[in-house]
Structure formats: C-alpha cells, structure tokens
Amino acid sequence: MSKRFTALCGLYCLDCIPANQKLYSTINDLSMMLSELQFDKYASLKSQSNHVFKHYEMFIDVMRAIAELECNTPCREGGCKKNCAIRECVLCRGLDGCWECDCIRECKHLELLKKIHPNIEYHLKLIKKHGTEGWISRRKHHYWWQET
C-alpha cells in the first residue's frame, strides 16, 4: 500500500493538500448548504451593514478554485499533475522513481519541488535505503510551512 502512495518524485501522495479528502468533502458540503440556503441573497442583504459580505462572490470563486485542486488518484496511477515532467523523466528512464537516479542534486525537474517540499531529498534517500514500503514512518513534514 505504501508503494501506491509513494510518488515518483519521492513525496507521499496522502500528505498533499490536494489529496485531503476531508477538505474536499467539507468544501462540497459547505457549497451545497450555502446553495440550499440561498446564502448569496443573504450575503447581499448583510453587505449593507457589513462590508465583508460584499466579497461573497470572491469567496465562492476561491472555494471553487480550491475544489478544482482535488486529486483522487495517486501519482503512480497517473494522478496529480497531468503533464508532469518528473513522471515523464522517470518513465523514460525506466526507473521506479527519482531515488534510483544519480542526478537528484542537479535535477531541474525537482528544483521547484525543493522550494515547496524542503525534505524531498531526505525522502528520496529514505526510499533508496528502506524501499517504497519502509520509508513512510520515517518521513519528515511535507511542506515548508509545516516545519516545527
């Protein structure tokens, strides 16, 4: 099961915000409830006494944009980014993942990910050492802002 959620780049799919099913379920429930309540009309009325409600449509737009980020399929099964340079590179080289490549430190494809995911090189080393089934419990935080 761990291998299924070990992305080709060395991230753990279930740590990604787009894979957070609770988030997307909550957004869906909230969207339905707001629609059923016709909250847009209520927000219009409330905007007369509270200027924040003038931005209700923007709030809805942001919620829709977040909903579009949802990812239900792991990287290994073609999920996440559809045109992923890392996936193309790994598959073209016949590798199981970036951890099998000798060019990790200089890799242009991993550069952007390193800015968002500070532990990606550490994770790649873990996978190389412990395999796709044994690295998960040893991983560090996913995003840079989660640092403790």
Protein backbone atom coordinates (compact mmCIF):
# COMPACT_ATOMS: atom_id res chain seq x y z
CA MET A 1 0.00 0.00 0.00
CA SER A 2 2.88 2.42 0.74
CA LYS A 3 4.27 1.99 -2.75
CA ARG A 4 0.91 3.01 -4.25
CA PHE A 5 1.13 6.38 -2.49
CA THR A 6 4.86 6.93 -2.98
CA ALA A 7 5.01 9.45 -5.79
CA LEU A 8 7.69 9.08 -8.44
CA CYS A 9 9.35 12.26 -7.12
CA GLY A 10 9.59 10.91 -3.56
CA LEU A 11 6.62 12.65 -1.99
CA TYR A 12 3.91 10.78 -0.12
CA CYS A 13 0.67 11.41 -2.03
CA LEU A 14 -1.55 11.35 1.05
CA ASP A 15 0.42 14.25 2.60
CA CYS A 16 -0.50 16.58 -0.28
CA ILE A 17 -3.29 19.09 0.32
CA PRO A 18 -5.00 18.11 -2.98
CA ALA A 19 -5.33 14.54 -1.62
CA ASN A 20 -7.02 15.63 1.63
CA GLN A 21 -10.44 14.05 1.18
CA LYS A 22 -11.81 15.60 4.37
CA LEU A 23 -11.07 19.07 2.98
CA TYR A 24 -12.88 18.40 -0.29
CA SER A 25 -15.81 16.72 1.41
CA THR A 26 -16.16 19.77 3.66
CA ILE A 27 -15.98 22.16 0.69
CA ASN A 28 -18.64 20.13 -1.12
CA ASP A 29 -20.92 20.07 1.94
CA LEU A 30 -20.46 23.80 2.54
CA SER A 31 -21.13 24.62 -1.11
CA MET A 32 -24.34 22.59 -1.09
CA MET A 33 -25.51 24.11 2.18
CA LEU A 34 -24.82 27.68 1.03
CA SER A 35 -26.71 26.99 -2.20
CA GLU A 36 -29.68 25.42 -0.40
CA LEU A 37 -29.85 28.40 1.96
CA GLN A 38 -29.53 30.82 -0.97
CA PHE A 39 -26.79 32.43 1.06
CA ASP A 40 -25.88 34.71 -1.85
CA LYS A 41 -29.11 36.62 -1.24
CA TYR A 42 -28.43 36.75 2.49
CA ALA A 43 -24.88 37.98 1.86
CA SER A 44 -26.27 40.72 -0.38
CA LEU A 45 -28.53 41.91 2.43
CA LYS A 46 -25.76 41.62 5.04
CA SER A 47 -23.37 43.60 2.83
CA GLN A 48 -25.36 46.73 3.59
CA SER A 49 -24.26 46.60 7.23
CA ASN A 50 -21.06 44.56 6.95
CA HIS A 51 -18.73 45.32 4.03
CA VAL A 52 -17.09 41.87 4.20
CA PHE A 53 -20.18 40.29 2.64
CA LYS A 54 -19.60 42.38 -0.50
CA HIS A 55 -16.84 39.86 -1.23
CA TYR A 56 -19.10 36.81 -1.01
CA GLU A 57 -18.77 36.01 -4.74
CA MET A 58 -14.99 36.11 -4.42
CA PHE A 59 -15.24 33.68 -1.51
CA ILE A 60 -17.29 31.33 -3.70
CA ASP A 61 -14.74 31.68 -6.52
CA VAL A 62 -11.89 30.80 -4.16
CA MET A 63 -13.81 27.80 -2.84
CA ARG A 64 -14.39 26.58 -6.42
CA ALA A 65 -10.71 27.05 -7.23
CA ILE A 66 -9.74 25.02 -4.15
CA ALA A 67 -12.22 22.31 -5.16
CA GLU A 68 -10.55 22.08 -8.59
CA LEU A 69 -7.24 21.16 -6.92
CA GLU A 70 -8.66 17.87 -5.64
CA CYS A 71 -6.66 14.79 -6.55
CA ASN A 72 -8.24 11.36 -6.08
CA THR A 73 -5.59 9.32 -7.87
CA PRO A 74 -2.02 8.67 -6.71
CA CYS A 75 0.89 9.80 -8.88
CA ARG A 76 1.79 6.22 -9.83
CA GLU A 77 -1.67 5.78 -11.32
CA GLY A 78 -1.49 8.98 -13.37
CA GLY A 79 -2.97 11.35 -10.79
CA CYS A 80 -1.91 14.79 -9.68
CA LYS A 81 -0.32 16.87 -12.42
CA LYS A 82 -1.34 15.53 -15.83
CA ASN A 83 1.73 16.80 -17.71
CA CYS A 84 4.38 16.08 -15.12
CA ALA A 85 7.99 16.44 -16.29
CA ILE A 86 9.17 14.29 -13.39
CA ARG A 87 6.81 11.44 -14.31
CA GLU A 88 7.92 11.66 -17.96
CA CYS A 89 11.59 11.62 -16.96
CA VAL A 90 11.22 8.66 -14.58
CA LEU A 91 9.19 6.62 -17.06
CA CYS A 92 11.51 7.42 -20.00
CA ARG A 93 14.50 6.25 -17.96
CA GLY A 94 12.70 3.08 -16.88
CA LEU A 95 13.08 3.94 -13.20
CA ASP A 96 10.75 3.18 -10.30
CA GLY A 97 11.25 6.73 -9.02
CA CYS A 98 13.72 9.61 -8.69
CA TRP A 99 15.51 7.80 -5.85
CA GLU A 100 17.03 5.48 -8.49
CA CYS A 101 18.57 8.42 -10.38
CA ASP A 102 22.14 9.64 -9.82
CA CYS A 103 21.31 13.26 -10.77
CA ILE A 104 18.98 14.21 -7.89
CA ARG A 105 21.05 17.15 -6.60
CA GLU A 106 21.30 18.79 -10.03
CA CYS A 107 17.85 17.83 -11.29
CA LYS A 108 16.00 20.75 -12.86
CA HIS A 109 12.70 18.88 -12.56
CA LEU A 110 13.00 18.62 -8.77
CA GLU A 111 14.05 22.28 -8.30
CA LEU A 112 10.52 23.70 -7.91
CA LEU A 113 9.51 20.88 -5.58
CA LYS A 114 12.54 21.52 -3.37
CA LYS A 115 11.27 25.07 -2.75
CA ILE A 116 7.89 23.81 -1.53
CA HIS A 117 8.94 20.46 -0.08
CA PRO A 118 12.19 21.01 1.84
CA ASN A 119 12.61 17.35 2.78
CA ILE A 120 12.30 15.87 -0.68
CA GLU A 121 15.98 14.91 -0.93
CA TYR A 122 15.82 13.40 2.56
CA HIS A 123 12.76 11.39 1.49
CA LEU A 124 14.48 10.21 -1.68
CA LYS A 125 17.39 8.93 0.43
CA LEU A 126 14.93 7.18 2.77
CA ILE A 127 13.20 5.47 -0.14
CA LYS A 128 16.51 4.41 -1.62
CA LYS A 129 17.55 2.94 1.76
CA HIS A 130 14.24 1.49 3.02
CA GLY A 131 12.22 0.99 -0.17
CA THR A 132 8.76 2.24 -1.06
CA GLU A 133 7.20 0.07 1.64
CA GLY A 134 9.52 1.08 4.51
CA TRP A 135 10.12 4.81 4.32
CA ILE A 136 6.70 6.25 5.26
CA SER A 137 7.04 6.13 9.05
CA ARG A 138 10.44 7.85 8.83
CA ARG A 139 9.40 10.78 6.65
CA LYS A 140 9.51 14.42 7.74
CA HIS A 141 6.98 17.19 7.15
CA HIS A 142 5.66 17.67 3.63
CA TYR A 143 5.51 21.45 3.12
CA TRP A 144 7.99 24.12 4.29
CA TRP A 145 5.34 25.92 6.37
CA GLN A 146 4.72 22.78 8.41
CA GLU A 147 8.17 22.95 9.92
CA THR A 148 8.13 22.75 13.71
